[in-house]
């Protein structure tokens, strides 16, 4: 079942077309990557889902029905443009934002303190936001996005500004939340993160949907049908790249018949980064049916 369906979404700002009949479906319980170069229309689509911006045409459905403001309260949204009240104490800021999402003070305190311990920032509860480093402030915003256990979490460039260690902490938390049943829309330029985290993606370029589907299926679709065989013979260990046959067993058998030990046999698939560049720069796949 899809938690979000965007059907033929159109949005213009004056003569500037931001979205041109874009349709995407976000399955429940999965991580959905929303990809595209700067200015492609990703943020506009996210704002339409959150009812911050109204589309000129098309519909957004939440669990199969037109989305309402009450549904938006079940969404956790961390925008790329971070915003915190710098003069407030960290704990007060977090409580304020949690209660805006409908949490009682008691539940908010309990949930926030659990997250603060998880992220190792429990000692910062009574300090001012302006005393936080950029990474600490990022952690605080992530916490306030997810603490009310929303049905859908939308994270816009969540790894921006993090060092590798803290980026890994956030990656693990995103995967944990998905495994516990959350649905996550991840808007990012980091193709490595897409391969590590995303189950499905949609690529938007120049206001139009270029391609959407499962990450593994898309990588396979744009592969070159080659396989890599690693084997060991009397001269040592070797690796060969060969065209994939319809029946891979024949290829394996031919190597085994030579008296060598086959260590691995795997299909070579392109990286998402290469596919992204190909589709954006060459226009390959434009208007391709989903």
Protein backbone atom coordinates (compact mmCIF):
# COMPACT_ATOMS: atom_id res chain seq x y z
CA UNK A 1 0.00 0.00 0.00
CA UNK A 2 1.16 3.54 -0.74
CA UNK A 3 1.23 6.08 2.08
CA UNK A 4 1.58 8.99 -0.37
CA UNK A 5 0.38 9.24 -3.96
CA UNK A 6 1.15 12.34 -5.99
CA UNK A 7 -0.96 12.34 -9.14
CA UNK A 8 -0.12 14.61 -12.09
CA UNK A 9 1.20 17.38 -9.85
CA UNK A 10 1.71 20.73 -11.62
CA UNK A 11 3.14 23.86 -10.07
CA UNK A 12 4.28 27.13 -11.59
CA UNK A 13 5.66 30.32 -10.07
CA UNK A 14 4.83 32.95 -12.66
CA UNK A 15 6.37 31.72 -15.91
CA UNK A 16 8.67 29.30 -14.09
CA UNK A 17 7.40 25.71 -14.23
CA UNK A 18 8.48 23.91 -11.07
CA UNK A 19 6.59 20.64 -11.57
CA UNK A 20 5.11 19.37 -14.82
CA UNK A 21 2.59 16.54 -14.34
CA UNK A 22 4.72 14.63 -11.79
CA UNK A 23 3.28 11.38 -10.43
CA UNK A 24 4.99 9.34 -7.72
CA UNK A 25 3.90 6.74 -5.18
CA UNK A 26 5.64 6.18 -1.85
CA UNK A 27 5.10 2.65 -0.49
CA UNK A 28 4.53 2.21 3.23
CA UNK A 29 7.35 0.93 5.39
CA UNK A 30 10.13 1.74 2.92
CA UNK A 31 12.78 4.39 2.32
CA UNK A 32 11.96 6.39 -0.79
CA UNK A 33 14.70 8.49 -2.37
CA UNK A 34 13.63 11.74 -4.02
CA UNK A 35 16.48 12.65 -6.34
CA UNK A 36 17.33 15.42 -8.77
CA UNK A 37 19.77 18.26 -9.38
CA UNK A 38 19.28 21.66 -7.77
CA UNK A 39 16.20 23.38 -9.10
CA UNK A 40 14.64 20.17 -10.41
CA UNK A 41 11.47 20.55 -8.31
CA UNK A 42 12.14 18.20 -5.36
CA UNK A 43 11.65 20.78 -2.63
CA UNK A 44 8.51 22.10 -4.30
CA UNK A 45 7.03 18.59 -4.31
CA UNK A 46 7.93 18.13 -0.63
CA UNK A 47 6.27 21.44 0.24
CA UNK A 48 3.14 20.41 -1.66
CA UNK A 49 2.99 17.13 0.28
CA UNK A 50 3.25 19.15 3.51
CA UNK A 51 0.56 21.58 2.32
CA UNK A 52 2.99 24.47 2.60
CA UNK A 53 2.50 25.14 -1.10
CA UNK A 54 -0.70 24.51 -3.09
CA UNK A 55 -0.32 22.89 -6.54
CA UNK A 56 -1.85 24.40 -9.67
CA UNK A 57 -3.08 20.97 -10.65
CA UNK A 58 -3.07 17.35 -9.57
CA UNK A 59 -3.84 15.57 -6.31
CA UNK A 60 -1.97 14.33 -3.24
CA UNK A 61 -3.45 11.30 -1.50
CA UNK A 62 -2.51 10.16 2.01
CA UNK A 63 -3.29 6.49 2.55
CA UNK A 64 -5.64 6.53 -0.42
CA UNK A 65 -7.64 9.72 0.30
CA UNK A 66 -7.05 13.44 -0.27
CA UNK A 67 -4.49 14.70 2.23
CA UNK A 68 -5.72 16.99 5.01
CA UNK A 69 -4.04 19.25 7.55
CA UNK A 70 -4.70 16.57 10.17
CA UNK A 71 -2.68 14.15 8.04
CA UNK A 72 0.18 16.64 7.85
CA UNK A 73 0.39 16.49 11.65
CA UNK A 74 1.34 12.82 11.21
CA UNK A 75 4.32 13.82 9.05
CA UNK A 76 7.74 14.64 10.43
CA UNK A 77 9.52 17.12 8.13
CA UNK A 78 13.14 18.19 8.40
CA UNK A 79 13.74 20.86 5.73
CA UNK A 80 17.14 21.52 4.24
CA UNK A 81 16.93 25.10 5.57
CA UNK A 82 17.41 24.45 9.27
CA UNK A 83 15.65 26.76 11.71
CA UNK A 84 15.97 26.88 15.50
CA UNK A 85 15.37 29.64 18.04
CA UNK A 86 18.96 30.37 19.01
CA UNK A 87 18.23 32.06 22.35
CA UNK A 88 16.05 29.24 23.70
CA UNK A 89 17.38 26.43 25.82
CA UNK A 90 17.83 23.19 23.93
CA UNK A 91 15.34 21.25 26.06
CA UNK A 92 12.71 24.01 25.91
CA UNK A 93 13.11 24.22 22.12
CA UNK A 94 12.69 20.49 21.70
CA UNK A 95 9.66 20.39 24.02
CA UNK A 96 8.01 23.27 22.16
CA UNK A 97 8.40 21.58 18.78
CA UNK A 98 7.27 18.19 20.10
CA UNK A 99 4.13 19.69 21.63
CA UNK A 100 3.35 21.46 18.34
CA UNK A 101 3.03 17.95 16.89
CA UNK A 102 0.43 17.02 19.49
CA UNK A 103 2.55 15.31 22.15
CA UNK A 104 1.70 15.83 25.81
CA UNK A 105 4.45 17.41 27.89
CA UNK A 106 4.96 14.16 29.79
CA UNK A 107 5.29 12.05 26.64
CA UNK A 108 7.48 14.68 24.98
CA UNK A 109 9.92 14.80 27.92
CA UNK A 110 10.19 11.01 28.03
CA UNK A 111 10.63 10.65 24.28
CA UNK A 112 13.11 13.50 23.98
CA UNK A 113 15.28 12.32 26.87
CA UNK A 114 15.46 8.87 25.29
CA UNK A 115 16.64 10.40 22.02
CA UNK A 116 19.07 12.76 23.76
CA UNK A 117 20.72 9.77 25.46
CA UNK A 118 20.76 7.83 22.18
CA UNK A 119 22.62 10.70 20.50
CA UNK A 120 24.84 11.46 23.49
CA UNK A 121 23.61 15.04 23.96
CA UNK A 122 21.83 14.64 27.33
CA UNK A 123 24.19 17.18 28.92
CA UNK A 124 22.95 19.88 26.53
CA UNK A 125 19.34 20.01 27.76
CA UNK A 126 19.78 23.27 29.67
CA UNK A 127 22.23 24.97 27.33
CA UNK A 128 21.19 27.53 24.74
CA UNK A 129 20.74 26.54 21.11
CA UNK A 130 23.33 29.14 20.08
CA UNK A 131 25.96 27.16 22.01
CA UNK A 132 25.44 24.08 19.83
CA UNK A 133 27.84 23.17 17.07
CA UNK A 134 26.35 22.73 13.61
CA UNK A 135 26.39 18.95 14.03
CA UNK A 136 24.68 19.16 17.44
CA UNK A 137 22.00 21.45 16.01
CA UNK A 138 21.46 18.96 13.17
CA UNK A 139 20.98 16.17 15.69
CA UNK A 140 18.45 18.29 17.58
CA UNK A 141 16.45 18.93 14.42
CA UNK A 142 16.47 15.25 13.52
CA UNK A 143 15.20 14.39 17.00
CA UNK A 144 12.37 16.92 16.86
CA UNK A 145 11.39 15.56 13.43
CA UNK A 146 10.98 11.95 14.58
CA UNK A 147 10.17 12.10 18.32
CA UNK A 148 6.38 12.07 17.82
CA UNK A 149 6.69 8.81 15.82
CA UNK A 150 5.11 10.14 12.63
CA UNK A 151 3.65 7.81 10.00
CA UNK A 152 5.82 9.52 7.39
CA UNK A 153 9.19 11.23 7.80
CA UNK A 154 10.53 13.59 5.14
CA UNK A 155 14.25 14.29 5.47
CA UNK A 156 15.70 16.88 3.11
CA UNK A 157 19.51 16.45 2.86
CA UNK A 158 19.74 14.96 6.37
CA UNK A 159 23.50 14.34 6.16
CA UNK A 160 24.42 17.90 5.23
CA UNK A 161 26.99 19.29 7.66
CA UNK A 162 27.69 15.99 9.44
CA UNK A 163 31.14 14.49 9.79
CA UNK A 164 31.41 10.81 8.70
CA UNK A 165 30.96 9.47 12.24
CA UNK A 166 27.74 11.37 12.93
CA UNK A 167 26.46 10.72 9.39
CA UNK A 168 26.78 7.02 10.12
CA UNK A 169 24.82 7.46 13.37
CA UNK A 170 21.97 9.09 11.42
CA UNK A 171 22.09 6.39 8.72
CA UNK A 172 21.70 3.67 11.35
CA UNK A 173 18.78 5.50 12.97
CA UNK A 174 17.04 5.91 9.60
CA UNK A 175 17.35 2.19 8.93
CA UNK A 176 16.16 1.35 12.44
CA UNK A 177 13.10 3.57 12.05
CA UNK A 178 12.32 1.91 8.69
CA UNK A 179 12.69 -1.54 10.22
CA UNK A 180 10.25 -0.51 12.97
CA UNK A 181 7.64 0.37 10.35
CA UNK A 182 8.26 4.03 9.51
CA UNK A 183 8.05 5.35 5.97
CA UNK A 184 10.80 7.78 5.01
CA UNK A 185 11.21 10.12 2.05
CA UNK A 186 14.89 10.94 1.70
CA UNK A 187 15.79 13.89 -0.50
CA UNK A 188 19.52 13.87 -1.14
CA UNK A 189 22.32 14.44 -3.65
CA UNK A 190 24.40 11.72 -2.01
CA UNK A 191 24.14 8.71 -4.32
CA UNK A 192 26.14 6.55 -1.92
CA UNK A 193 23.42 7.11 0.66
CA UNK A 194 20.80 6.19 -1.93
CA UNK A 195 22.44 2.81 -2.56
CA UNK A 196 22.89 2.17 1.16
CA UNK A 197 19.45 3.27 2.33
CA UNK A 198 16.79 3.56 -0.35
CA UNK A 199 14.40 0.82 -1.41
CA UNK A 200 12.78 2.93 -4.14
CA UNK A 201 13.55 6.22 -5.87
CA UNK A 202 12.05 8.89 -8.10
CA UNK A 203 14.33 11.10 -10.18
CA UNK A 204 13.03 14.54 -11.15
CA UNK A 205 14.87 16.71 -13.66
CA UNK A 206 13.79 20.04 -15.14
CA UNK A 207 10.39 19.79 -13.40
CA UNK A 208 9.53 16.40 -14.89
CA UNK A 209 9.67 12.83 -13.63
CA UNK A 210 12.49 10.97 -15.37
CA UNK A 211 12.32 7.55 -13.74
CA UNK A 212 10.84 5.86 -10.68
CA UNK A 213 11.01 2.34 -9.27
CA UNK A 214 13.00 0.00 -7.05
CA UNK A 215 16.71 0.78 -6.74
CA UNK A 216 17.80 -2.78 -7.58
CA UNK A 217 15.50 -2.91 -10.62
CA UNK A 218 16.77 0.43 -11.94
CA UNK A 219 20.41 -0.55 -11.49
CA UNK A 220 19.73 -3.80 -13.33
CA UNK A 221 17.86 -1.98 -16.10
CA UNK A 222 20.84 0.26 -16.80
CA UNK A 223 23.44 -2.47 -16.47
CA UNK A 224 25.51 -3.80 -19.39
CA UNK A 225 24.68 -7.48 -18.78
CA UNK A 226 28.23 -8.32 -17.75
CA UNK A 227 29.26 -10.64 -14.95
CA UNK A 228 32.44 -10.84 -12.93
CA UNK A 229 33.97 -14.22 -12.18
CA UNK A 230 36.73 -14.59 -9.63
CA UNK A 231 38.56 -17.91 -9.70
CA UNK A 232 41.74 -19.58 -8.51
CA UNK A 233 43.95 -21.84 -10.62
CA UNK A 234 47.50 -23.11 -10.37
CA UNK A 235 48.82 -19.61 -11.12
CA UNK A 236 46.84 -17.91 -8.40
CA UNK A 237 43.72 -15.78 -8.11
CA UNK A 238 42.15 -14.13 -11.20
CA UNK A 239 39.17 -12.00 -12.11
CA UNK A 240 37.42 -11.90 -15.50
CA UNK A 241 34.52 -9.82 -16.78
CA UNK A 242 32.33 -11.62 -19.33
CA UNK A 243 28.99 -11.08 -21.08
CA UNK A 244 26.19 -12.61 -19.05
CA UNK A 245 24.59 -15.65 -20.67
CA UNK A 246 20.91 -16.45 -20.34
CA UNK A 247 21.92 -19.48 -18.30
CA UNK A 248 24.71 -18.50 -15.95
CA UNK A 249 25.18 -22.14 -14.99
CA UNK A 250 26.79 -22.80 -18.37
CA UNK A 251 29.41 -20.12 -17.71
CA UNK A 252 30.15 -21.51 -14.27
CA UNK A 253 30.33 -25.06 -15.61
CA UNK A 254 32.83 -24.06 -18.29
CA UNK A 255 35.17 -22.65 -15.64
CA UNK A 256 34.75 -25.64 -13.35
CA UNK A 257 35.45 -27.97 -16.28
CA UNK A 258 38.81 -26.24 -16.66
CA UNK A 259 39.71 -27.48 -13.20
CA UNK A 260 39.70 -24.08 -11.51
CA UNK A 261 38.04 -23.08 -8.24
CA UNK A 262 35.30 -20.46 -8.73
CA UNK A 263 35.38 -18.07 -5.76
CA UNK A 264 32.59 -15.70 -6.79
CA UNK A 265 30.17 -15.03 -9.61
CA UNK A 266 28.24 -11.77 -9.62
CA UNK A 267 26.32 -9.53 -11.94
CA UNK A 268 27.96 -6.16 -12.50
CA UNK A 269 25.48 -3.35 -12.01
CA UNK A 270 26.14 0.39 -12.42
CA UNK A 271 26.28 2.70 -9.43
CA UNK A 272 23.33 5.00 -8.84
CA UNK A 273 25.70 7.94 -9.25
CA UNK A 274 26.49 6.86 -12.83
CA UNK A 275 22.80 6.36 -13.64
CA UNK A 276 21.94 9.75 -12.13
CA UNK A 277 24.57 11.51 -14.26
CA UNK A 278 23.52 9.64 -17.39
CA UNK A 279 19.84 10.46 -17.03
CA UNK A 280 20.37 14.09 -16.05
CA UNK A 281 23.08 15.01 -18.56
CA UNK A 282 21.95 12.95 -21.54
CA UNK A 283 18.20 13.06 -20.98
CA UNK A 284 18.05 9.28 -21.37
CA UNK A 285 14.79 7.98 -19.97
CA UNK A 286 12.90 11.30 -20.15
CA UNK A 287 9.17 10.62 -20.26
CA UNK A 288 9.84 6.93 -19.64
CA UNK A 289 6.76 5.15 -18.28
CA UNK A 290 7.03 4.38 -14.56
